[in-house]
Amino acid sequence: MTPRTKQPRSLLIRDIHLLVTMDGRGRQIPGGYLYAEDGEIQAVGTRVPPRLRAERTIRAPVRRRRTRSGEYPPSSLPDPHAGASRGRDAKLFDWLTTL
């Protein structure tokens, strides 16, 4: 059995092509960021606050490639519905690493 690596306490994902919040407001944030602590999302927005620091930062720049049909597939994080069977209590870091 391989030892489990220590998960960061805080995570910042920045430069997301299109961040869809799936909250009651259904916001779509082009070029947005997501900040999480202890596996729970704490903030999303358009610009990362200057003093916001995380143990791990992921840059998700847009890489657009044409498909054979000439369309550009969307860049995104994993579909949030894919983890729905794990329940609402699943921690974000665990969910992202198991998909």
C-alpha atoms as a PDB file:
ATOM      1  CA  MET A   1       0.000   0.000   0.000  1.00  0.00           C
ATOM      2  CA  THR A   2       1.386   3.442  -0.897  1.00  0.00           C
ATOM      3  CA  PRO A   3       1.465   6.082   1.845  1.00  0.00           C
ATOM      4  CA  ARG A   4      -1.003   8.895   1.443  1.00  0.00           C
ATOM      5  CA  THR A   5       0.561  12.272   0.745  1.00  0.00           C
ATOM      6  CA  LYS A   6      -0.258  15.160   3.047  1.00  0.00           C
ATOM      7  CA  GLN A   7      -2.919  17.375   1.542  1.00  0.00           C
ATOM      8  CA  PRO A   8      -2.368  21.138   1.623  1.00  0.00           C
ATOM      9  CA  ARG A   9      -4.418  23.065   4.167  1.00  0.00           C
ATOM     10  CA  SER A  10      -5.171  25.771   1.608  1.00  0.00           C
ATOM     11  CA  LEU A  11      -5.513  25.689  -2.176  1.00  0.00           C
ATOM     12  CA  LEU A  12      -5.741  28.474  -4.746  1.00  0.00           C
ATOM     13  CA  ILE A  13      -6.741  27.718  -8.327  1.00  0.00           C
ATOM     14  CA  ARG A  14      -6.304  30.802 -10.490  1.00  0.00           C
ATOM     15  CA  ASP A  15      -6.749  31.843 -14.124  1.00  0.00           C
ATOM     16  CA  ILE A  16      -9.668  29.451 -14.604  1.00  0.00           C
ATOM     17  CA  HIS A  17     -11.024  29.832 -18.138  1.00  0.00           C
ATOM     18  CA  LEU A  18     -14.640  29.896 -16.957  1.00  0.00           C
ATOM     19  CA  LEU A  19     -15.521  29.288 -13.318  1.00  0.00           C
ATOM     20  CA  VAL A  20     -19.179  28.269 -12.941  1.00  0.00           C
ATOM     21  CA  THR A  21     -20.242  28.572  -9.314  1.00  0.00           C
ATOM     22  CA  MET A  22     -23.362  26.373  -9.388  1.00  0.00           C
ATOM     23  CA  ASP A  23     -24.689  28.403  -6.443  1.00  0.00           C
ATOM     24  CA  GLY A  24     -28.097  30.056  -6.190  1.00  0.00           C
ATOM     25  CA  ARG A  25     -26.878  32.946  -8.339  1.00  0.00           C
ATOM     26  CA  GLY A  26     -25.440  30.674 -11.062  1.00  0.00           C
ATOM     27  CA  ARG A  27     -22.476  32.960 -11.653  1.00  0.00           C
ATOM     28  CA  GLN A  28     -20.056  32.434 -14.512  1.00  0.00           C
ATOM     29  CA  ILE A  29     -16.659  34.029 -13.870  1.00  0.00           C
ATOM     30  CA  PRO A  30     -14.285  34.163 -16.858  1.00  0.00           C
ATOM     31  CA  GLY A  31     -10.627  34.108 -15.774  1.00  0.00           C
ATOM     32  CA  GLY A  32     -11.709  33.518 -12.187  1.00  0.00           C
ATOM     33  CA  TYR A  33     -10.132  32.023  -9.092  1.00  0.00           C
ATOM     34  CA  LEU A  34     -11.198  29.594  -6.372  1.00  0.00           C
ATOM     35  CA  TYR A  35      -9.722  29.556  -2.853  1.00  0.00           C
ATOM     36  CA  ALA A  36     -10.300  26.684  -0.404  1.00  0.00           C
ATOM     37  CA  GLU A  37      -9.175  25.965   3.166  1.00  0.00           C
ATOM     38  CA  ASP A  38      -9.434  22.589   4.860  1.00  0.00           C
ATOM     39  CA  GLY A  39     -11.322  21.224   1.853  1.00  0.00           C
ATOM     40  CA  GLU A  40     -14.053  23.866   1.826  1.00  0.00           C
ATOM     41  CA  ILE A  41     -14.419  26.652  -0.711  1.00  0.00           C
ATOM     42  CA  GLN A  42     -13.943  29.997   1.016  1.00  0.00           C
ATOM     43  CA  ALA A  43     -13.892  32.439  -1.903  1.00  0.00           C
ATOM     44  CA  VAL A  44     -14.356  32.751  -5.646  1.00  0.00           C
ATOM     45  CA  GLY A  45     -13.990  35.825  -7.786  1.00  0.00           C
ATOM     46  CA  THR A  46     -12.467  37.619 -10.722  1.00  0.00           C
ATOM     47  CA  ARG A  47      -9.232  38.908  -9.179  1.00  0.00           C
ATOM     48  CA  VAL A  48      -7.127  37.203  -6.538  1.00  0.00           C
ATOM     49  CA  PRO A  49      -6.776  39.547  -3.547  1.00  0.00           C
ATOM     50  CA  PRO A  50      -3.116  40.666  -3.264  1.00  0.00           C
ATOM     51  CA  ARG A  51      -2.651  39.262   0.249  1.00  0.00           C
ATOM     52  CA  LEU A  52      -4.299  35.915  -0.419  1.00  0.00           C
ATOM     53  CA  ARG A  53      -1.764  33.099   0.000  1.00  0.00           C
ATOM     54  CA  ALA A  54      -2.202  29.347  -0.192  1.00  0.00           C
ATOM     55  CA  GLU A  55      -0.001  26.351   0.556  1.00  0.00           C
ATOM     56  CA  ARG A  56      -0.602  25.201  -3.003  1.00  0.00           C
ATOM     57  CA  THR A  57      -1.405  27.320  -6.048  1.00  0.00           C
ATOM     58  CA  ILE A  58      -2.507  25.914  -9.389  1.00  0.00           C
ATOM     59  CA  ARG A  59      -2.558  28.070 -12.501  1.00  0.00           C
ATOM     60  CA  ALA A  60      -5.167  26.887 -14.958  1.00  0.00           C
ATOM     61  CA  PRO A  61      -4.371  28.895 -18.090  1.00  0.00           C
ATOM     62  CA  VAL A  62      -6.514  28.394 -21.143  1.00  0.00           C
ATOM     63  CA  ARG A  63      -5.157  25.956 -23.693  1.00  0.00           C
ATOM     64  CA  ARG A  64      -7.524  25.871 -26.590  1.00  0.00           C
ATOM     65  CA  ARG A  65      -7.244  23.237 -29.259  1.00  0.00           C
ATOM     66  CA  ARG A  66      -9.553  22.761 -32.179  1.00  0.00           C
ATOM     67  CA  THR A  67     -11.396  19.494 -32.541  1.00  0.00           C
ATOM     68  CA  ARG A  68     -11.869  17.813 -35.897  1.00  0.00           C
ATOM     69  CA  SER A  69     -15.204  19.586 -36.252  1.00  0.00           C
ATOM     70  CA  GLY A  70     -13.443  22.941 -35.833  1.00  0.00           C
ATOM     71  CA  GLU A  71     -14.893  23.663 -32.400  1.00  0.00           C
ATOM     72  CA  TYR A  72     -12.959  24.556 -29.252  1.00  0.00           C
ATOM     73  CA  PRO A  73     -13.740  22.233 -26.345  1.00  0.00           C
ATOM     74  CA  PRO A  74     -14.203  24.073 -23.035  1.00  0.00           C
ATOM     75  CA  SER A  75     -11.432  24.003 -20.437  1.00  0.00           C
ATOM     76  CA  SER A  76     -12.757  23.250 -16.973  1.00  0.00           C
ATOM     77  CA  LEU A  77     -12.386  21.585 -13.613  1.00  0.00           C
ATOM     78  CA  PRO A  78     -14.010  18.172 -13.221  1.00  0.00           C
ATOM     79  CA  ASP A  79     -17.791  18.140 -13.511  1.00  0.00           C
ATOM     80  CA  PRO A  80     -19.142  18.731  -9.979  1.00  0.00           C
ATOM     81  CA  HIS A  81     -21.974  16.287 -10.631  1.00  0.00           C
ATOM     82  CA  ALA A  82     -19.468  13.458 -11.160  1.00  0.00           C
ATOM     83  CA  GLY A  83     -18.837  13.415  -7.414  1.00  0.00           C
ATOM     84  CA  ALA A  84     -22.464  13.756  -6.384  1.00  0.00           C
ATOM     85  CA  SER A  85     -22.668  10.119  -5.346  1.00  0.00           C
ATOM     86  CA  ARG A  86     -19.976  10.779  -2.724  1.00  0.00           C
ATOM     87  CA  GLY A  87     -22.322  13.134  -0.885  1.00  0.00           C
ATOM     88  CA  ARG A  88     -22.134  16.747   0.178  1.00  0.00           C
ATOM     89  CA  ASP A  89     -19.773  16.011   3.071  1.00  0.00           C
ATOM     90  CA  ALA A  90     -16.902  14.985   0.775  1.00  0.00           C
ATOM     91  CA  LYS A  91     -13.838  17.197   1.219  1.00  0.00           C
ATOM     92  CA  LEU A  92     -12.769  19.190  -1.850  1.00  0.00           C
ATOM     93  CA  PHE A  93      -9.127  18.023  -1.844  1.00  0.00           C
ATOM     94  CA  ASP A  94     -10.123  14.353  -1.556  1.00  0.00           C
ATOM     95  CA  TRP A  95     -12.772  14.757  -4.247  1.00  0.00           C
ATOM     96  CA  LEU A  96     -10.376  16.395  -6.699  1.00  0.00           C
ATOM     97  CA  THR A  97      -7.666  13.796  -6.158  1.00  0.00           C
ATOM     98  CA  THR A  98      -9.965  10.793  -6.583  1.00  0.00           C
ATOM     99  CA  LEU A  99     -11.579  11.808  -9.894  1.00  0.00           C
END
